[in-house]
Amino acid sequence: MKGKKSRDIIMAVAMFAVIGLAGCAAQKGPILVGAEYEAPQGLAPAAPKVVVGLSPFKDARGGKPSVIGVRENNAGQFENDLVVQGTVSDLVTAAIKKALKARNITVKDLPAWDLNVDHLNADNVDIVLGGTVVSLWATVVTQPLKTTAHVDATVHAVMADARDKTVVRELDMHGTFDDQYLTFDPEKVGEALSSALSSMVDQLMNDPEFKKKVQ
């Protein structure tokens, strides 16, 4: 019985080692990850009050517009870019749009806005919302039997009165998320990105001054 138990332990250790090595095996080229806004549970939509014109959020991070992070090995050596479908600008803009709609706020898509109120082009809307993506980045480190993920996100939002052409609110939103997995999994990385993104967007949605204008 002792011999069988020892063999079982050896087989279990070997199996975990294979899993760990498989998770750390080098994969060439960029890795696609998904991320989206997740509305809070039990959210009670308000009655429509205004029409919000949403301008695409400009990506001010530098680098490639579709790259949202990097996968490294335990020595800090680059292995893969982590990319999203489309661009990070599209991702953040879509997240804010989804958050507004989840709260029953009417949204109208607007052209790009440089955040200068003199350049507003916003017919048939009450409020214009735009901004910049300062950071949105996932760092994933893989090693045998352990993968860690850290996501950092910062977005600067600007809200303007479309009729008065005045800025009525500016806000910096921050979101972070850390997690640990047995092996590398793009789906898990997407969940980490979604958590940080959602936390950041909800800071805007829950801001008292913002709510006063749109709800």
Protein backbone atom coordinates (compact mmCIF):
# COMPACT_ATOMS: atom_id res chain seq x y z
CA MET A 1 0.00 0.00 0.00
CA LYS A 2 2.84 2.34 0.83
CA GLY A 3 4.40 1.69 -2.58
CA LYS A 4 1.13 2.45 -4.35
CA LYS A 5 0.64 5.63 -2.34
CA SER A 6 4.16 6.79 -3.23
CA ARG A 7 3.53 6.11 -6.91
CA ASP A 8 0.27 8.09 -6.73
CA ILE A 9 2.07 11.05 -5.17
CA ILE A 10 4.82 10.91 -7.81
CA MET A 11 2.22 10.77 -10.59
CA ALA A 12 0.33 13.73 -9.10
CA VAL A 13 3.50 15.80 -8.84
CA ALA A 14 4.44 14.87 -12.40
CA MET A 15 0.99 15.84 -13.64
CA PHE A 16 1.17 19.27 -11.99
CA ALA A 17 4.63 19.75 -13.44
CA VAL A 18 3.33 18.99 -16.93
CA ILE A 19 0.46 21.44 -16.41
CA GLY A 20 2.88 24.10 -15.21
CA LEU A 21 5.27 23.61 -18.10
CA ALA A 22 2.39 23.65 -20.57
CA GLY A 23 1.17 26.94 -19.11
CA CYS A 24 4.64 28.45 -19.42
CA ALA A 25 5.39 27.09 -22.88
CA ALA A 26 6.26 29.87 -25.26
CA GLN A 27 3.49 30.86 -27.65
CA LYS A 28 4.61 32.93 -30.59
CA GLY A 29 2.86 36.13 -31.59
CA PRO A 30 0.28 38.32 -29.84
CA ILE A 31 -2.43 36.78 -27.65
CA LEU A 32 -6.01 38.00 -27.98
CA VAL A 33 -7.78 38.83 -24.72
CA GLY A 34 -11.31 40.13 -24.18
CA ALA A 35 -12.58 42.74 -21.75
CA GLU A 36 -15.89 44.48 -21.22
CA TYR A 37 -17.84 46.52 -18.71
CA GLU A 38 -19.74 44.52 -16.11
CA ALA A 39 -22.71 46.37 -14.59
CA PRO A 40 -23.20 46.08 -10.80
CA GLN A 41 -25.75 43.56 -9.57
CA GLY A 42 -29.14 44.99 -8.68
CA LEU A 43 -28.63 48.20 -10.64
CA ALA A 44 -31.86 50.23 -10.75
CA PRO A 45 -32.08 52.20 -14.04
CA ALA A 46 -33.28 55.78 -13.69
CA ALA A 47 -35.88 57.55 -15.80
CA PRO A 48 -34.31 59.17 -18.89
CA LYS A 49 -33.39 62.77 -18.15
CA VAL A 50 -30.88 63.91 -20.77
CA VAL A 51 -29.25 62.76 -23.97
CA VAL A 52 -25.52 62.17 -23.55
CA GLY A 53 -23.34 62.61 -26.61
CA LEU A 54 -20.41 60.23 -26.32
CA SER A 55 -17.18 61.11 -28.08
CA PRO A 56 -14.51 58.41 -28.57
CA PHE A 57 -11.98 58.43 -25.72
CA LYS A 58 -8.53 59.20 -27.09
CA ASP A 59 -5.76 56.71 -26.38
CA ALA A 60 -2.93 58.74 -24.84
CA ARG A 61 -0.89 55.74 -23.65
CA GLY A 62 1.54 55.69 -26.57
CA GLY A 63 2.47 52.47 -28.34
CA LYS A 64 0.25 50.27 -30.47
CA PRO A 65 -3.49 51.05 -30.14
CA SER A 66 -4.58 47.41 -29.86
CA VAL A 67 -1.96 46.28 -27.33
CA ILE A 68 -3.35 46.17 -23.79
CA GLY A 69 -0.56 44.39 -21.95
CA VAL A 70 2.37 42.03 -21.97
CA ARG A 71 3.13 38.48 -20.95
CA GLU A 72 6.53 37.92 -19.36
CA ASN A 73 8.40 34.99 -17.87
CA ASN A 74 9.64 34.89 -14.30
CA ALA A 75 12.93 36.55 -15.34
CA GLY A 76 11.04 39.57 -16.66
CA GLN A 77 11.70 38.62 -20.28
CA PHE A 78 9.10 39.47 -22.92
CA GLU A 79 7.05 36.58 -24.29
CA ASN A 80 3.90 38.00 -25.91
CA ASP A 81 1.88 41.15 -26.46
CA LEU A 82 -1.68 40.96 -25.14
CA VAL A 83 -4.08 42.54 -27.64
CA VAL A 84 -7.77 43.36 -27.91
CA GLN A 85 -10.08 43.18 -30.89
CA GLY A 86 -10.09 46.69 -32.35
CA THR A 87 -8.37 49.31 -30.20
CA VAL A 88 -8.15 50.23 -26.52
CA SER A 89 -9.93 53.49 -27.40
CA ASP A 90 -12.85 51.44 -28.78
CA LEU A 91 -12.83 49.26 -25.67
CA VAL A 92 -13.05 52.13 -23.18
CA THR A 93 -15.63 54.05 -25.21
CA ALA A 94 -17.79 50.93 -25.53
CA ALA A 95 -17.50 50.28 -21.79
CA ILE A 96 -18.72 53.78 -20.92
CA LYS A 97 -21.54 53.51 -23.44
CA LYS A 98 -22.64 50.19 -21.95
CA ALA A 99 -22.52 51.67 -18.44
CA LEU A 100 -24.70 54.60 -19.47
CA LYS A 101 -27.23 52.35 -21.20
CA ALA A 102 -27.35 50.03 -18.19
CA ARG A 103 -28.62 53.05 -16.26
CA ASN A 104 -31.22 53.83 -18.93
CA ILE A 105 -29.36 56.96 -20.06
CA THR A 106 -29.87 57.82 -23.71
CA VAL A 107 -26.58 57.85 -25.62
CA LYS A 108 -25.74 59.33 -29.01
CA ASP A 109 -22.44 58.62 -30.73
CA LEU A 110 -20.45 61.76 -31.58
CA PRO A 111 -17.33 62.41 -33.68
CA ALA A 112 -13.93 62.70 -32.01
CA TRP A 113 -13.64 65.73 -29.71
CA ASP A 114 -10.37 67.41 -28.68
CA LEU A 115 -11.91 68.43 -25.28
CA ASN A 116 -11.95 72.11 -26.29
CA VAL A 117 -15.49 73.40 -25.68
CA ASP A 118 -15.14 75.84 -28.58
CA HIS A 119 -14.89 72.84 -30.90
CA LEU A 120 -18.03 71.06 -29.74
CA ASN A 121 -20.11 69.60 -32.56
CA ALA A 122 -23.04 68.19 -30.66
CA ASP A 123 -26.51 68.66 -32.12
CA ASN A 124 -29.53 67.16 -30.35
CA VAL A 125 -27.69 66.28 -27.14
CA ASP A 126 -27.65 67.86 -23.69
CA ILE A 127 -24.32 66.66 -22.35
CA VAL A 128 -21.10 65.77 -24.16
CA LEU A 129 -18.76 63.20 -22.62
CA GLY A 130 -15.21 62.58 -23.80
CA GLY A 131 -11.74 62.08 -22.44
CA THR A 132 -8.43 60.30 -22.65
CA VAL A 133 -7.17 56.85 -21.75
CA VAL A 134 -4.10 57.60 -19.63
CA SER A 135 -3.32 53.95 -18.87
CA LEU A 136 -4.90 50.55 -19.35
CA TRP A 137 -2.35 47.78 -19.07
CA ALA A 138 -2.11 44.16 -17.94
CA THR A 139 1.21 42.67 -16.84
CA VAL A 140 1.09 38.89 -16.70
CA VAL A 141 4.04 36.90 -15.34
CA THR A 142 4.17 33.16 -15.93
CA GLN A 143 6.23 30.56 -14.11
CA PRO A 144 5.76 26.86 -13.33
CA LEU A 145 2.45 26.29 -11.49
CA LYS A 146 1.90 30.01 -11.00
CA THR A 147 0.72 32.92 -13.13
CA THR A 148 0.16 36.40 -11.71
CA ALA A 149 -1.77 39.22 -13.36
CA HIS A 150 -1.75 42.92 -12.49
CA VAL A 151 -4.00 45.42 -14.29
CA ASP A 152 -3.74 49.19 -13.95
CA ALA A 153 -6.22 51.62 -15.51
CA THR A 154 -6.59 55.42 -15.47
CA VAL A 155 -8.97 57.48 -17.59
CA HIS A 156 -9.54 61.25 -17.58
CA ALA A 157 -13.16 62.14 -18.35
CA VAL A 158 -14.53 65.54 -19.35
CA MET A 159 -18.23 66.41 -19.35
CA ALA A 160 -19.51 69.55 -21.07
CA ASP A 161 -22.86 71.28 -21.40
CA ALA A 162 -23.63 71.13 -25.11
CA ARG A 163 -25.77 74.26 -25.14
CA ASP A 164 -23.69 76.53 -22.89
CA LYS A 165 -20.41 75.11 -24.21
CA THR A 166 -18.94 74.93 -20.74
CA VAL A 167 -17.10 72.15 -18.94
CA VAL A 168 -19.28 71.03 -16.03
CA ARG A 169 -17.18 68.16 -14.67
CA GLU A 170 -13.69 66.66 -14.99
CA LEU A 171 -12.76 63.44 -13.26
CA ASP A 172 -9.81 61.06 -13.11
CA MET A 173 -10.90 57.45 -12.64
CA HIS A 174 -8.53 54.71 -11.48
CA GLY A 175 -8.91 50.96 -11.42
CA THR A 176 -6.56 48.13 -10.47
CA PHE A 177 -6.91 44.38 -10.19
CA ASP A 178 -4.58 41.57 -9.13
CA ASP A 179 -5.10 37.85 -9.46
CA GLN A 180 -3.18 34.57 -9.47
CA TYR A 181 -3.77 31.38 -11.49
CA LEU A 182 -2.23 27.96 -11.83
CA THR A 183 -1.46 28.39 -15.53
CA PHE A 184 -1.71 31.17 -18.10
CA ASP A 185 -5.26 31.58 -19.43
CA PRO A 186 -6.27 34.45 -21.79
CA GLU A 187 -9.85 34.23 -20.50
CA LYS A 188 -8.67 34.84 -16.93
CA VAL A 189 -6.63 37.81 -18.10
CA GLY A 190 -9.75 39.18 -19.79
CA GLU A 191 -11.66 38.83 -16.53
CA ALA A 192 -8.94 40.76 -14.69
CA LEU A 193 -9.08 43.52 -17.31
CA SER A 194 -12.88 43.61 -17.09
CA SER A 195 -12.75 43.99 -13.31
CA ALA A 196 -10.32 46.92 -13.43
CA LEU A 197 -12.21 48.54 -16.32
CA SER A 198 -15.58 48.17 -14.60
CA SER A 199 -14.28 49.54 -11.31
CA MET A 200 -12.92 52.59 -13.11
CA VAL A 201 -16.07 53.28 -15.15
CA ASP A 202 -18.30 52.92 -12.08
CA GLN A 203 -16.35 55.72 -10.40
CA LEU A 204 -17.66 58.01 -13.14
CA MET A 205 -21.19 56.60 -13.01
CA ASN A 206 -21.32 57.03 -9.20
CA ASP A 207 -19.76 60.49 -9.10
CA PRO A 208 -22.35 62.81 -7.44
CA GLU A 209 -21.74 65.69 -9.85
CA PHE A 210 -21.99 63.41 -12.85
CA LYS A 211 -25.18 61.79 -11.58
CA LYS A 212 -26.72 65.19 -10.92
CA LYS A 213 -26.29 66.10 -14.60
CA VAL A 214 -27.40 62.88 -16.25
CA GLN A 215 -29.91 61.19 -13.94
